[in-house]
Amino acid sequence: MSKTEARKPPVMKFGPTATSGGLVEIAIWRNESDAGPFYSVSVQRSFEVENEWKRTSTLTKHDLLPVAVMLQQAWSWICEQQSRDRKEE
């Protein structure tokens, strides 16, 4: 993607969910390829340090279970979307 090209927003988000480590969120991105659409997932944790919010992909122990639940939801959502994508072909 070029610097002048705007990044498309995610097609679905789960969270943010509060944990003792901060806020965790999952975003699902739809991508196009010669073989058809595919989906990718990003996991992000936001946390506050001295009144400033920061973001990381590093998770704490306390983030793992909430993220696992959201990843399961993301997996189900992607499976449904792929089924719809195949029907549209």
N, C-alpha and C. Protein backbone atom coordinates (compact mmCIF):
# COMPACT_ATOMS: atom_id res chain seq x y z
N MET A 1 0.85 -1.17 0.00
CA MET A 1 0.00 0.00 0.00
C MET A 1 0.90 1.24 0.00
N SER A 2 0.57 2.19 -0.84
CA SER A 2 1.36 3.42 -0.90
C SER A 2 1.02 4.31 0.29
N LYS A 3 1.92 5.27 0.56
CA LYS A 3 1.69 6.17 1.68
C LYS A 3 0.48 7.07 1.46
N THR A 4 0.14 7.32 0.21
CA THR A 4 -0.99 8.19 -0.08
C THR A 4 -2.31 7.43 -0.07
N GLU A 5 -2.24 6.10 -0.14
CA GLU A 5 -3.44 5.29 -0.15
C GLU A 5 -3.92 5.07 1.28
N ALA A 6 -5.19 5.36 1.54
CA ALA A 6 -5.72 5.20 2.89
C ALA A 6 -5.97 3.73 3.18
N ARG A 7 -5.67 3.33 4.39
CA ARG A 7 -5.93 1.95 4.79
C ARG A 7 -7.41 1.77 5.04
N LYS A 8 -7.96 0.69 4.52
CA LYS A 8 -9.38 0.41 4.73
C LYS A 8 -9.60 0.00 6.18
N PRO A 9 -10.78 0.33 6.71
CA PRO A 9 -11.07 -0.06 8.09
C PRO A 9 -11.31 -1.57 8.16
N PRO A 10 -11.18 -2.15 9.35
CA PRO A 10 -11.47 -3.57 9.48
C PRO A 10 -12.94 -3.86 9.17
N VAL A 11 -13.22 -5.08 8.74
CA VAL A 11 -14.60 -5.45 8.44
C VAL A 11 -15.36 -5.89 9.68
N MET A 12 -14.63 -6.21 10.77
CA MET A 12 -15.28 -6.61 12.01
C MET A 12 -14.30 -6.41 13.16
N LYS A 13 -14.85 -6.07 14.33
CA LYS A 13 -14.03 -5.93 15.54
C LYS A 13 -14.71 -6.67 16.68
N PHE A 14 -13.89 -7.22 17.58
CA PHE A 14 -14.36 -7.80 18.82
C PHE A 14 -13.62 -7.08 19.94
N GLY A 15 -14.34 -6.62 20.93
CA GLY A 15 -13.74 -5.84 22.00
C GLY A 15 -14.05 -4.37 21.76
N PRO A 16 -13.44 -3.46 22.46
CA PRO A 16 -12.41 -3.74 23.45
C PRO A 16 -12.98 -4.37 24.71
N THR A 17 -12.21 -5.27 25.28
CA THR A 17 -12.54 -5.93 26.53
C THR A 17 -11.51 -5.52 27.57
N ALA A 18 -11.98 -5.11 28.72
CA ALA A 18 -11.07 -4.68 29.78
C ALA A 18 -10.48 -5.89 30.50
N THR A 19 -9.16 -5.88 30.68
CA THR A 19 -8.47 -6.87 31.50
C THR A 19 -7.59 -6.10 32.47
N SER A 20 -6.97 -6.80 33.39
CA SER A 20 -6.09 -6.09 34.33
C SER A 20 -4.85 -5.57 33.61
N GLY A 21 -4.57 -6.08 32.40
CA GLY A 21 -3.42 -5.60 31.63
C GLY A 21 -3.76 -4.43 30.72
N GLY A 22 -5.02 -4.05 30.63
CA GLY A 22 -5.43 -2.95 29.76
C GLY A 22 -6.69 -3.31 29.00
N LEU A 23 -6.79 -2.83 27.78
CA LEU A 23 -7.93 -3.13 26.91
C LEU A 23 -7.44 -3.96 25.73
N VAL A 24 -8.10 -5.09 25.45
CA VAL A 24 -7.72 -5.90 24.30
C VAL A 24 -8.81 -5.85 23.25
N GLU A 25 -8.37 -5.89 22.00
CA GLU A 25 -9.30 -5.77 20.87
C GLU A 25 -8.77 -6.60 19.71
N ILE A 26 -9.69 -7.20 18.98
CA ILE A 26 -9.35 -7.98 17.79
C ILE A 26 -10.02 -7.31 16.60
N ALA A 27 -9.29 -7.17 15.53
CA ALA A 27 -9.83 -6.62 14.28
C ALA A 27 -9.64 -7.65 13.18
N ILE A 28 -10.65 -7.77 12.31
CA ILE A 28 -10.59 -8.68 11.17
C ILE A 28 -10.54 -7.84 9.91
N TRP A 29 -9.61 -8.20 9.04
CA TRP A 29 -9.40 -7.48 7.79
C TRP A 29 -9.70 -8.39 6.61
N ARG A 30 -10.42 -7.89 5.64
CA ARG A 30 -10.69 -8.64 4.40
C ARG A 30 -9.65 -8.22 3.38
N ASN A 31 -9.03 -9.20 2.75
CA ASN A 31 -8.00 -8.96 1.74
C ASN A 31 -8.40 -9.66 0.45
N GLU A 32 -7.98 -9.14 -0.65
CA GLU A 32 -8.27 -9.75 -1.95
C GLU A 32 -7.00 -10.34 -2.54
N SER A 33 -7.15 -11.49 -3.19
CA SER A 33 -6.03 -12.12 -3.89
C SER A 33 -6.56 -12.73 -5.18
N ASP A 34 -5.66 -13.22 -6.02
CA ASP A 34 -6.07 -13.88 -7.26
C ASP A 34 -6.94 -15.10 -6.98
N ALA A 35 -6.74 -15.73 -5.83
CA ALA A 35 -7.52 -16.91 -5.46
C ALA A 35 -8.84 -16.54 -4.77
N GLY A 36 -9.08 -15.26 -4.58
CA GLY A 36 -10.31 -14.82 -3.92
C GLY A 36 -10.01 -14.15 -2.60
N PRO A 37 -11.06 -13.76 -1.89
CA PRO A 37 -10.86 -13.05 -0.63
C PRO A 37 -10.30 -13.96 0.46
N PHE A 38 -9.55 -13.36 1.37
CA PHE A 38 -9.11 -14.06 2.57
C PHE A 38 -9.11 -13.06 3.71
N TYR A 39 -9.06 -13.56 4.92
CA TYR A 39 -9.20 -12.72 6.10
C TYR A 39 -7.96 -12.85 6.98
N SER A 40 -7.56 -11.74 7.58
CA SER A 40 -6.47 -11.74 8.55
C SER A 40 -6.98 -11.09 9.83
N VAL A 41 -6.31 -11.40 10.92
CA VAL A 41 -6.75 -10.95 12.23
C VAL A 41 -5.59 -10.28 12.95
N SER A 42 -5.87 -9.14 13.58
CA SER A 42 -4.86 -8.50 14.42
C SER A 42 -5.38 -8.42 15.85
N VAL A 43 -4.46 -8.58 16.79
CA VAL A 43 -4.78 -8.48 18.22
C VAL A 43 -3.98 -7.30 18.77
N GLN A 44 -4.66 -6.48 19.54
CA GLN A 44 -3.99 -5.29 20.07
C GLN A 44 -4.41 -5.07 21.52
N ARG A 45 -3.44 -4.66 22.32
CA ARG A 45 -3.72 -4.30 23.71
C ARG A 45 -3.36 -2.84 23.90
N SER A 46 -4.27 -2.10 24.49
CA SER A 46 -4.03 -0.69 24.82
C SER A 46 -3.85 -0.59 26.33
N PHE A 47 -2.91 0.24 26.74
CA PHE A 47 -2.65 0.42 28.16
C PHE A 47 -2.21 1.86 28.41
N GLU A 48 -2.38 2.30 29.63
CA GLU A 48 -2.09 3.69 29.98
C GLU A 48 -0.82 3.77 30.81
N VAL A 49 0.07 4.69 30.43
CA VAL A 49 1.29 4.97 31.17
C VAL A 49 1.37 6.48 31.35
N GLU A 50 1.35 6.92 32.57
CA GLU A 50 1.45 8.35 32.89
C GLU A 50 0.47 9.19 32.07
N ASN A 51 -0.80 8.79 32.09
CA ASN A 51 -1.90 9.49 31.41
C ASN A 51 -1.77 9.50 29.89
N GLU A 52 -0.98 8.60 29.33
CA GLU A 52 -0.84 8.49 27.88
C GLU A 52 -1.15 7.05 27.48
N TRP A 53 -2.05 6.90 26.47
CA TRP A 53 -2.43 5.57 26.00
C TRP A 53 -1.43 5.09 24.97
N LYS A 54 -1.02 3.83 25.12
CA LYS A 54 -0.08 3.19 24.19
C LYS A 54 -0.70 1.89 23.70
N ARG A 55 -0.17 1.37 22.58
CA ARG A 55 -0.68 0.13 22.00
C ARG A 55 0.45 -0.85 21.78
N THR A 56 0.11 -2.14 21.94
CA THR A 56 1.09 -3.19 21.72
C THR A 56 0.38 -4.46 21.26
N SER A 57 1.13 -5.36 20.66
CA SER A 57 0.59 -6.68 20.33
C SER A 57 1.02 -7.70 21.37
N THR A 58 1.79 -7.28 22.37
CA THR A 58 2.22 -8.16 23.45
C THR A 58 1.09 -8.30 24.47
N LEU A 59 0.84 -9.53 24.89
CA LEU A 59 -0.24 -9.79 25.82
C LEU A 59 0.30 -10.23 27.17
N THR A 60 -0.47 -9.96 28.22
CA THR A 60 -0.13 -10.45 29.55
C THR A 60 -0.93 -11.72 29.82
N LYS A 61 -0.60 -12.40 30.89
CA LYS A 61 -1.34 -13.60 31.29
C LYS A 61 -2.83 -13.29 31.42
N HIS A 62 -3.15 -12.13 31.95
CA HIS A 62 -4.54 -11.76 32.19
C HIS A 62 -5.31 -11.48 30.90
N ASP A 63 -4.60 -11.25 29.82
CA ASP A 63 -5.24 -10.99 28.53
C ASP A 63 -5.60 -12.27 27.79
N LEU A 64 -4.92 -13.37 28.12
CA LEU A 64 -5.00 -14.58 27.29
C LEU A 64 -6.39 -15.18 27.18
N LEU A 65 -7.09 -15.36 28.27
CA LEU A 65 -8.42 -15.97 28.20
C LEU A 65 -9.42 -15.08 27.46
N PRO A 66 -9.50 -13.76 27.77
CA PRO A 66 -10.41 -12.92 26.98
C PRO A 66 -10.06 -12.92 25.48
N VAL A 67 -8.78 -12.92 25.15
CA VAL A 67 -8.38 -12.93 23.75
C VAL A 67 -8.75 -14.27 23.11
N ALA A 68 -8.59 -15.37 23.85
CA ALA A 68 -8.96 -16.67 23.32
C ALA A 68 -10.45 -16.72 22.97
N VAL A 69 -11.28 -16.16 23.84
CA VAL A 69 -12.73 -16.12 23.58
C VAL A 69 -13.01 -15.28 22.33
N MET A 70 -12.37 -14.11 22.24
CA MET A 70 -12.58 -13.25 21.07
C MET A 70 -12.05 -13.90 19.80
N LEU A 71 -10.94 -14.63 19.88
CA LEU A 71 -10.41 -15.33 18.70
C LEU A 71 -11.37 -16.41 18.23
N GLN A 72 -12.02 -17.09 19.16
CA GLN A 72 -13.02 -18.09 18.79
C GLN A 72 -14.20 -17.42 18.07
N GLN A 73 -14.62 -16.27 18.57
CA GLN A 73 -15.69 -15.53 17.91
C GLN A 73 -15.25 -15.07 16.52
N ALA A 74 -14.01 -14.62 16.41
CA ALA A 74 -13.48 -14.18 15.12
C ALA A 74 -13.43 -15.35 14.15
N TRP A 75 -12.98 -16.51 14.61
CA TRP A 75 -12.92 -17.70 13.76
C TRP A 75 -14.31 -18.04 13.22
N SER A 76 -15.32 -18.04 14.09
CA SER A 76 -16.70 -18.34 13.67
C SER A 76 -17.18 -17.32 12.65
N TRP A 77 -16.90 -16.05 12.90
CA TRP A 77 -17.34 -14.99 11.98
C TRP A 77 -16.68 -15.17 10.62
N ILE A 78 -15.38 -15.46 10.60
CA ILE A 78 -14.66 -15.65 9.33
C ILE A 78 -15.23 -16.85 8.59
N CYS A 79 -15.52 -17.95 9.28
CA CYS A 79 -16.10 -19.13 8.63
C CYS A 79 -17.42 -18.78 7.95
N GLU A 80 -18.26 -18.01 8.64
CA GLU A 80 -19.54 -17.58 8.05
C GLU A 80 -19.30 -16.71 6.81
N GLN A 81 -18.35 -15.78 6.92
CA GLN A 81 -18.06 -14.90 5.78
C GLN A 81 -17.54 -15.69 4.58
N GLN A 82 -16.65 -16.65 4.83
CA GLN A 82 -16.11 -17.46 3.73
C GLN A 82 -17.22 -18.27 3.06
N SER A 83 -18.16 -18.75 3.82
CA SER A 83 -19.31 -19.46 3.25
C SER A 83 -20.12 -18.52 2.35
N ARG A 84 -20.34 -17.30 2.82
CA ARG A 84 -21.05 -16.30 2.01
C ARG A 84 -20.25 -15.94 0.76
N ASP A 85 -18.94 -15.80 0.93
CA ASP A 85 -18.09 -15.46 -0.21
C ASP A 85 -18.20 -16.52 -1.31
N ARG A 86 -18.20 -17.79 -0.91
CA ARG A 86 -18.30 -18.90 -1.89
C ARG A 86 -19.64 -18.86 -2.60
N LYS A 87 -20.72 -18.53 -1.88
CA LYS A 87 -22.05 -18.46 -2.49
C LYS A 87 -22.15 -17.33 -3.50
N GLU A 88 -21.37 -16.26 -3.30
CA GLU A 88 -21.41 -15.09 -4.19
C GLU A 88 -20.60 -15.32 -5.47
N GLU A 89 -19.75 -16.35 -5.48
CA GLU A 89 -18.90 -16.58 -6.67
C GLU A 89 -19.69 -17.10 -7.84
